[in-house]
Protein backbone atom coordinates (compact mmCIF):
# COMPACT_ATOMS: atom_id res chain seq x y z
CA MET A 1 -174.82 -48.73 -119.75
CA ASP A 2 -175.66 -45.41 -117.92
CA ARG A 3 -173.14 -43.14 -118.07
CA ILE A 4 -171.58 -42.72 -114.24
CA ILE A 5 -169.29 -39.95 -112.65
CA ILE A 6 -168.51 -39.80 -108.90
CA SER A 7 -166.49 -37.56 -106.73
CA PRO A 8 -165.96 -36.25 -102.86
CA SER A 9 -169.07 -33.77 -102.07
CA LYS A 10 -166.57 -30.55 -101.83
CA TYR A 11 -162.58 -30.70 -102.99
CA VAL A 12 -160.56 -27.87 -100.68
CA GLN A 13 -156.91 -26.98 -101.84
CA GLY A 14 -154.36 -23.97 -100.76
CA ASN A 15 -151.51 -23.20 -99.26
CA GLY A 16 -152.66 -22.49 -95.11
CA ALA A 17 -156.06 -24.57 -96.06
CA LEU A 18 -155.81 -26.10 -92.28
CA ALA A 19 -156.18 -23.13 -90.85
CA ASN A 20 -159.67 -23.18 -92.02
CA ILE A 21 -160.81 -26.62 -91.39
CA GLY A 22 -163.02 -25.54 -88.34
CA ASN A 23 -165.17 -22.96 -90.85
CA TYR A 24 -165.04 -26.04 -93.49
CA VAL A 25 -166.19 -28.85 -90.99
CA LYS A 26 -168.70 -26.83 -89.47
CA ALA A 27 -171.32 -27.92 -91.88
CA LEU A 28 -170.51 -31.02 -91.31
CA GLY A 29 -171.22 -31.86 -87.83
CA ALA A 30 -170.37 -29.83 -84.74
CA LYS A 31 -168.39 -32.75 -82.72
CA PRO A 32 -165.51 -34.22 -84.32
CA LEU A 33 -162.97 -36.95 -83.74
CA ILE A 34 -159.71 -36.35 -84.80
CA LEU A 35 -157.47 -39.17 -86.02
CA ALA A 36 -153.94 -39.06 -86.62
CA ASP A 37 -150.42 -40.34 -85.48
CA ALA A 38 -148.24 -38.85 -83.29
CA PHE A 39 -145.85 -37.28 -85.88
CA VAL A 40 -148.50 -35.98 -87.58
CA THR A 41 -150.52 -34.71 -84.46
CA LYS A 42 -147.21 -33.21 -83.54
CA LEU A 43 -146.72 -31.11 -87.37
CA VAL A 44 -150.72 -29.88 -87.53
CA GLY A 45 -152.41 -30.56 -84.30
CA ASP A 46 -152.18 -27.38 -82.86
CA THR A 47 -153.26 -25.51 -86.32
CA VAL A 48 -156.26 -27.47 -86.49
CA ALA A 49 -157.06 -27.27 -82.69
CA THR A 50 -156.96 -23.60 -83.00
CA SER A 51 -159.14 -23.50 -85.96
CA PHE A 52 -161.84 -25.77 -84.59
CA HIS A 53 -161.87 -23.67 -81.32
CA GLY A 54 -161.84 -20.30 -83.80
CA ALA A 55 -165.09 -22.28 -85.02
CA GLY A 56 -166.60 -22.46 -81.63
CA ILE A 57 -166.30 -26.41 -82.29
CA LYS A 58 -165.07 -28.66 -79.46
CA SER A 59 -162.87 -31.70 -81.35
CA GLU A 60 -160.81 -34.24 -79.85
CA PHE A 61 -157.66 -36.30 -81.35
CA ASP A 62 -157.26 -39.69 -81.21
CA CYS A 63 -153.48 -41.56 -82.10
CA PHE A 64 -153.29 -43.86 -84.69
CA ASN A 65 -152.01 -46.91 -83.90
CA GLY A 66 -150.32 -47.25 -87.34
CA GLU A 67 -152.20 -49.80 -89.52
CA CYS A 68 -155.55 -49.86 -90.84
CA SER A 69 -156.93 -52.76 -89.18
CA ARG A 70 -160.07 -54.37 -87.74
CA PRO A 71 -158.95 -54.55 -84.40
CA GLU A 72 -157.95 -50.62 -85.03
CA ILE A 73 -161.21 -50.04 -86.60
CA ASP A 74 -163.21 -51.49 -83.67
CA ARG A 75 -161.18 -49.31 -80.92
CA LEU A 76 -162.16 -45.98 -82.61
CA LEU A 77 -165.98 -47.75 -83.35
CA ALA A 78 -165.75 -48.50 -79.22
CA ARG A 79 -164.77 -44.77 -78.50
CA CYS A 80 -167.78 -43.42 -81.02
CA GLN A 81 -170.13 -45.76 -78.70
CA GLN A 82 -169.02 -43.34 -75.62
CA THR A 83 -168.66 -40.08 -77.24
CA PRO A 84 -171.55 -39.16 -79.85
CA PHE A 85 -169.37 -37.79 -82.77
CA ASP A 86 -171.41 -36.60 -85.64
CA VAL A 87 -167.65 -36.29 -88.26
CA ILE A 88 -164.78 -38.43 -88.38
CA ILE A 89 -161.91 -36.59 -89.79
CA GLY A 90 -158.49 -38.51 -90.69
CA ILE A 91 -155.30 -36.37 -91.07
CA GLY A 92 -152.25 -37.90 -92.77
CA GLY A 93 -151.00 -41.04 -95.11
CA GLY A 94 -153.40 -43.43 -96.63
CA LYS A 95 -153.92 -45.78 -93.53
CA THR A 96 -154.73 -43.12 -91.19
CA LEU A 97 -157.00 -41.98 -94.03
CA ASP A 98 -158.72 -45.23 -94.68
CA THR A 99 -159.54 -46.00 -90.90
CA ALA A 100 -161.11 -43.09 -90.84
CA LYS A 101 -163.20 -44.04 -94.08
CA ALA A 102 -164.42 -47.27 -92.01
CA VAL A 103 -164.95 -45.53 -89.15
CA ALA A 104 -167.13 -43.11 -90.81
CA PHE A 105 -169.05 -45.56 -92.72
CA TYR A 106 -169.64 -47.85 -89.97
CA GLN A 107 -170.75 -44.89 -87.99
CA LYS A 108 -172.79 -43.72 -90.72
CA VAL A 109 -171.62 -40.07 -90.39
CA PRO A 110 -169.97 -37.96 -92.72
CA VAL A 111 -165.72 -38.02 -92.79
CA VAL A 112 -163.46 -35.24 -93.88
CA ILE A 113 -160.07 -36.61 -95.47
CA VAL A 114 -157.36 -34.34 -94.74
CA PRO A 115 -154.24 -35.69 -96.83
CA THR A 116 -150.53 -34.77 -95.62
CA ILE A 117 -148.65 -36.12 -98.56
CA ALA A 118 -149.66 -36.36 -102.61
CA SER A 119 -148.33 -40.20 -103.16
CA THR A 120 -151.79 -41.50 -104.68
CA ASP A 121 -155.35 -40.86 -105.62
CA ALA A 122 -157.19 -42.60 -102.74
CA PRO A 123 -157.94 -40.30 -100.89
CA THR A 124 -161.15 -38.95 -103.19
CA SER A 125 -162.26 -42.61 -103.69
CA ALA A 126 -164.97 -44.56 -101.85
CA LEU A 127 -162.35 -47.12 -101.05
CA ALA A 128 -160.46 -48.33 -97.96
CA VAL A 129 -157.97 -50.92 -98.01
CA ILE A 130 -157.45 -52.81 -94.76
CA TYR A 131 -154.61 -55.05 -93.19
CA THR A 132 -154.26 -57.69 -90.71
CA PRO A 133 -152.21 -55.99 -87.53
CA GLU A 134 -148.89 -57.42 -88.60
CA GLY A 135 -149.76 -55.66 -91.94
CA GLN A 136 -150.35 -57.90 -94.56
CA PHE A 137 -153.68 -57.07 -97.11
CA SER A 138 -156.67 -58.54 -95.74
CA GLU A 139 -159.87 -56.84 -98.11
CA TYR A 140 -161.18 -54.11 -99.81
CA LEU A 141 -164.03 -52.15 -97.79
CA MET A 142 -166.44 -50.88 -101.19
CA ILE A 143 -168.15 -47.53 -99.35
CA PRO A 144 -171.20 -46.36 -101.19
CA THR A 145 -170.11 -42.48 -101.31
CA ASN A 146 -167.23 -40.96 -101.82
CA PRO A 147 -165.74 -39.12 -98.57
CA ASN A 148 -167.88 -35.70 -97.88
CA MET A 149 -164.52 -33.80 -98.52
CA VAL A 150 -161.49 -33.63 -99.19
CA ILE A 151 -158.76 -30.86 -97.53
CA MET A 152 -155.04 -30.38 -99.36
CA ASP A 153 -152.63 -28.00 -97.30
CA THR A 154 -150.66 -27.45 -100.09
CA GLY A 155 -147.95 -25.97 -97.95
CA VAL A 156 -147.96 -28.73 -95.79
CA VAL A 157 -147.88 -31.39 -98.92
CA SER A 158 -144.77 -29.54 -100.02
CA ARG A 159 -142.85 -30.16 -97.29
CA ALA A 160 -143.12 -33.73 -97.32
CA PRO A 161 -140.26 -35.46 -98.78
CA VAL A 162 -140.05 -35.04 -102.85
CA ARG A 163 -140.01 -39.11 -102.96
CA LEU A 164 -143.90 -39.22 -102.51
CA LEU A 165 -144.65 -36.09 -104.30
CA VAL A 166 -143.16 -38.06 -107.37
CA ALA A 167 -144.46 -41.15 -106.20
CA GLY A 168 -148.52 -39.32 -106.82
CA MET A 169 -147.08 -38.60 -110.32
CA GLY A 170 -146.35 -42.05 -111.14
CA ASP A 171 -150.07 -43.06 -110.20
CA ALA A 172 -151.56 -40.34 -111.49
CA LEU A 173 -149.33 -41.03 -114.96
CA SER A 174 -151.48 -44.14 -115.75
CA THR A 175 -154.90 -42.60 -115.35
CA TYR A 176 -155.41 -40.99 -118.88
CA PHE A 177 -153.88 -44.20 -120.61
CA GLU A 178 -156.08 -46.71 -118.29
CA ALA A 179 -159.00 -44.16 -119.22
CA ARG A 180 -158.38 -44.44 -122.56
CA ALA A 181 -158.37 -47.89 -122.92
CA ASN A 182 -161.34 -48.41 -120.57
CA LYS A 183 -163.33 -45.98 -123.06
CA VAL A 184 -162.28 -48.24 -126.01
CA SER A 185 -162.91 -51.57 -124.75
CA GLY A 186 -166.46 -50.23 -123.31
CA CYS A 187 -165.82 -52.32 -119.79
CA GLN A 188 -167.61 -50.79 -116.30
CA THR A 189 -166.06 -48.66 -114.13
CA MET A 190 -165.27 -48.73 -110.79
CA ALA A 191 -167.94 -45.83 -110.32
CA GLY A 192 -170.44 -48.90 -111.35
CA GLY A 193 -171.40 -47.55 -115.02
CA ALA A 194 -169.39 -46.18 -118.38
CA PRO A 195 -167.36 -43.20 -118.12
CA THR A 196 -168.69 -39.36 -119.02
CA LEU A 197 -166.97 -37.45 -121.02
CA ALA A 198 -166.34 -34.95 -117.97
CA ALA A 199 -164.35 -38.22 -116.33
CA GLN A 200 -162.20 -38.59 -119.56
CA ALA A 201 -161.53 -34.72 -119.82
CA ILE A 202 -160.37 -34.74 -116.30
CA ALA A 203 -157.96 -37.94 -117.11
CA GLU A 204 -156.27 -36.62 -120.17
CA LEU A 205 -155.77 -33.12 -118.44
CA CYS A 206 -154.04 -35.07 -115.46
CA TYR A 207 -151.69 -36.38 -118.05
CA GLN A 208 -151.17 -32.70 -119.98
CA THR A 209 -150.84 -30.94 -116.28
CA LEU A 210 -147.94 -33.89 -115.41
CA LEU A 211 -146.30 -33.13 -118.37
CA ALA A 212 -146.62 -29.82 -117.86
CA ASP A 213 -145.56 -29.16 -114.80
CA GLY A 214 -144.33 -32.37 -112.75
CA TYR A 215 -140.83 -31.44 -113.43
CA LYS A 216 -141.44 -27.73 -112.21
CA ALA A 217 -142.85 -29.16 -109.18
CA LYS A 218 -139.77 -31.50 -108.13
CA LEU A 219 -137.30 -28.64 -108.45
CA ALA A 220 -139.78 -26.12 -106.01
CA VAL A 221 -140.75 -29.16 -103.56
CA GLU A 222 -136.78 -30.21 -103.27
CA GLN A 223 -136.88 -26.94 -101.83
CA GLY A 224 -139.49 -27.15 -99.67
CA LEU A 225 -141.81 -24.86 -101.39
CA CYS A 226 -144.95 -24.18 -102.86
CA THR A 227 -145.34 -22.66 -106.57
CA LYS A 228 -148.17 -22.75 -108.98
CA ALA A 229 -146.45 -25.73 -110.82
CA VAL A 230 -146.82 -27.54 -107.07
CA GLU A 231 -150.19 -26.61 -106.77
CA ASN A 232 -151.25 -27.81 -110.29
CA ILE A 233 -149.55 -31.05 -109.46
CA ILE A 234 -151.11 -32.19 -105.74
CA GLU A 235 -154.39 -31.57 -107.90
CA ALA A 236 -153.40 -33.81 -110.91
CA ASN A 237 -152.01 -36.45 -107.94
CA THR A 238 -154.79 -36.49 -105.89
CA TYR A 239 -158.22 -35.25 -107.53
CA LEU A 240 -157.63 -35.28 -111.28
CA SER A 241 -155.98 -38.65 -111.23
CA GLY A 242 -158.75 -39.65 -108.45
CA ILE A 243 -161.82 -38.55 -110.43
CA GLY A 244 -160.00 -40.21 -113.57
CA PHE A 245 -159.24 -43.77 -112.50
CA GLU A 246 -162.61 -44.28 -110.21
CA SER A 247 -164.99 -42.53 -113.01
CA SER A 248 -163.05 -43.73 -116.29
CA GLY A 249 -161.39 -47.20 -115.41
CA LEU A 250 -158.63 -48.92 -114.28
CA ALA A 251 -156.53 -51.40 -116.77
CA ALA A 252 -153.25 -53.33 -117.24
CA ALA A 253 -150.42 -50.53 -115.49
CA HIS A 254 -152.41 -51.02 -111.98
CA ALA A 255 -152.74 -54.89 -113.06
CA ILE A 256 -148.82 -54.80 -113.57
CA HIS A 257 -148.31 -53.19 -110.31
CA ASN A 258 -150.18 -55.81 -108.27
CA GLY A 259 -147.79 -58.26 -110.29
CA LEU A 260 -144.65 -56.71 -109.51
CA THR A 261 -145.55 -57.20 -106.10
CA GLN A 262 -144.36 -60.89 -106.60
CA LEU A 263 -141.26 -59.46 -106.38
CA ALA A 264 -139.19 -59.15 -103.03
CA GLU A 265 -136.80 -56.68 -105.18
CA CYS A 266 -139.84 -54.47 -105.77
CA HIS A 267 -141.20 -54.16 -102.00
CA HIS A 268 -139.08 -51.24 -101.49
CA LEU A 269 -140.94 -49.17 -104.47
CA TYR A 270 -143.88 -46.95 -103.62
CA HIS A 271 -147.33 -47.86 -105.32
CA GLY A 272 -146.92 -44.86 -107.60
CA GLU A 273 -143.33 -46.00 -108.65
CA LYS A 274 -144.65 -48.92 -109.73
CA VAL A 275 -147.67 -47.85 -111.51
CA ALA A 276 -145.43 -45.76 -113.75
CA PHE A 277 -143.50 -48.62 -114.79
CA GLY A 278 -146.87 -50.58 -115.20
CA THR A 279 -148.00 -47.63 -117.38
CA LEU A 280 -144.95 -48.30 -119.49
CA VAL A 281 -145.66 -51.67 -119.81
CA GLN A 282 -149.17 -51.01 -121.03
CA LEU A 283 -148.15 -48.96 -123.84
CA VAL A 284 -146.31 -51.83 -125.18
CA LEU A 285 -148.80 -54.24 -124.92
CA GLU A 286 -150.74 -51.63 -127.41
CA ASN A 287 -148.08 -51.19 -129.34
CA ALA A 288 -148.35 -47.24 -128.57
CA PRO A 289 -146.65 -45.07 -131.00
CA LEU A 290 -142.82 -44.51 -130.11
CA ALA A 291 -142.72 -41.39 -130.11
CA GLU A 292 -145.72 -41.25 -127.46
CA ILE A 293 -143.33 -44.15 -125.59
CA GLU A 294 -140.74 -41.71 -125.97
CA THR A 295 -142.86 -38.67 -124.32
CA LEU A 296 -143.46 -41.13 -121.34
CA LEU A 297 -139.77 -42.09 -120.79
CA ALA A 298 -138.76 -38.55 -121.25
CA PHE A 299 -141.15 -37.35 -118.85
CA CYS A 300 -139.94 -40.37 -116.02
CA ARG A 301 -136.44 -39.72 -116.49
CA SER A 302 -137.03 -35.80 -115.56
CA VAL A 303 -138.52 -36.09 -112.20
CA GLY A 304 -136.80 -39.39 -111.13
CA LEU A 305 -139.50 -42.12 -111.81
CA PRO A 306 -138.09 -45.90 -112.65
CA THR A 307 -138.04 -46.66 -116.33
CA ASN A 308 -136.85 -49.87 -116.20
CA LEU A 309 -136.65 -53.28 -113.75
CA HIS A 310 -133.22 -52.53 -113.14
CA MET A 311 -133.91 -48.97 -111.45
CA MET A 312 -136.39 -51.44 -109.75
CA GLY A 313 -134.19 -52.62 -107.67
CA VAL A 314 -134.20 -56.46 -110.15
CA LYS A 315 -130.75 -57.08 -110.83
CA GLU A 316 -130.87 -60.01 -113.01
CA LEU A 317 -134.04 -60.69 -115.55
CA ASP A 318 -134.95 -64.45 -114.81
CA MET A 319 -137.51 -65.40 -117.07
CA ALA A 320 -139.18 -68.10 -114.94
CA ARG A 321 -139.89 -65.16 -111.87
CA LEU A 322 -141.10 -62.47 -114.03
CA MET A 323 -143.39 -65.06 -116.05
CA GLU A 324 -145.22 -65.21 -112.25
CA VAL A 325 -145.40 -61.79 -112.14
CA ALA A 326 -146.85 -61.86 -115.48
CA LYS A 327 -148.99 -64.65 -114.01
CA ALA A 328 -149.88 -62.47 -111.37
CA SER A 329 -150.87 -59.67 -113.45
CA THR A 330 -153.14 -61.16 -115.43
CA ALA A 331 -154.99 -63.21 -112.90
CA ALA A 332 -159.19 -63.54 -112.44
CA GLY A 333 -160.63 -60.47 -111.98
CA GLU A 334 -157.48 -57.94 -112.30
CA THR A 335 -158.08 -54.78 -114.13
CA ILE A 336 -156.06 -56.07 -117.51
CA HIS A 337 -159.00 -57.94 -118.75
CA ASN A 338 -160.64 -54.67 -119.45
CA MET A 339 -157.73 -54.05 -122.16
CA PRO A 340 -159.58 -53.30 -125.48
CA PHE A 341 -157.97 -56.63 -126.50
CA LYS A 342 -157.21 -60.56 -124.38
CA VAL A 343 -154.12 -60.21 -122.86
CA THR A 344 -152.09 -63.13 -122.00
CA ALA A 345 -149.25 -64.02 -119.42
CA GLU A 346 -147.56 -65.14 -122.52
CA ASP A 347 -148.19 -61.21 -123.66
CA VAL A 348 -147.43 -59.43 -120.29
CA LEU A 349 -143.94 -61.41 -120.36
CA ALA A 350 -143.07 -59.94 -123.50
CA ALA A 351 -144.13 -56.50 -122.80
CA ILE A 352 -142.37 -56.27 -119.51
CA VAL A 353 -139.10 -57.23 -121.35
CA THR A 354 -139.77 -55.02 -123.56
CA ALA A 355 -140.55 -52.27 -121.65
CA HIS A 356 -137.52 -52.89 -119.56
CA GLN A 357 -134.94 -52.17 -123.10
CA LEU A 358 -136.99 -50.01 -124.27
CA GLY A 359 -136.09 -47.79 -120.62
CA GLN A 360 -133.01 -48.28 -120.42
């Protein structure tokens, strides 16, 4: 199997980076359509418009309707038929960004992704998640290439609620451990091949960065401040974790996350908050050294990630309901089957309960 690593063509990060978006995008197109919801447009719209004006580019905004759905994608494609936009820019949260990816894919034009939060590693990926207009999962859109550009304005991101940054750390926390498992099993990654040494090193650096700067970054963002630690964590949450998961592989942690969606009590949690507990469960499945588990638990406690089911809203341990979580985690096609050993639903149930006890 060939080694493959994939990534955005360009990654830009800095405090105030949005003030330069016009110059960055100029190399991709001269007529951009900018997709953002009303809140984000009010937050950064003037900065973006001024930057494009300064670059001699006429940009147009469109207000995102709130759901990455087929009707919303079709609405934007219809607008693109009326005006020959040559680059699509998504600014905001995950659903806005995924919609921009989808529209650019169907229009066969470049896409620029501008997250205003750092809560997941999805912005750099060649993937969009499409929902029904009512918000139920519909399908994955697998895109042949990663975004042409990702721009992270760390000043904007650091002023978002701290829980979002911490959730991003939870998502990033799994990257190294899932990459490590995938390396041993030799399973194909989302990039379509075996992991490169570079992707493995990036995944490990992601974990080291979280341990070194996660708590410091949390303290700064609680005050709406951007420090070097915040810069490092934003890069870890977005770029290091994004390259790490896509080019090094997913394993048990994300499958456990998917299983936990069976519990209504967990629906209020962010993706990364569930993934953090899934990472603990994966370490139990692996029978990882206690010292490694304790390091992970200490990190989670320092930044405020859940370490047990009670913290996630599950008041009582109902074994039958937890078995439903375990069965969903081990469904055919789930990434838990990338682990270097066979994993059954019974194994997952035992690991969930053990992880819960360790995390109390």
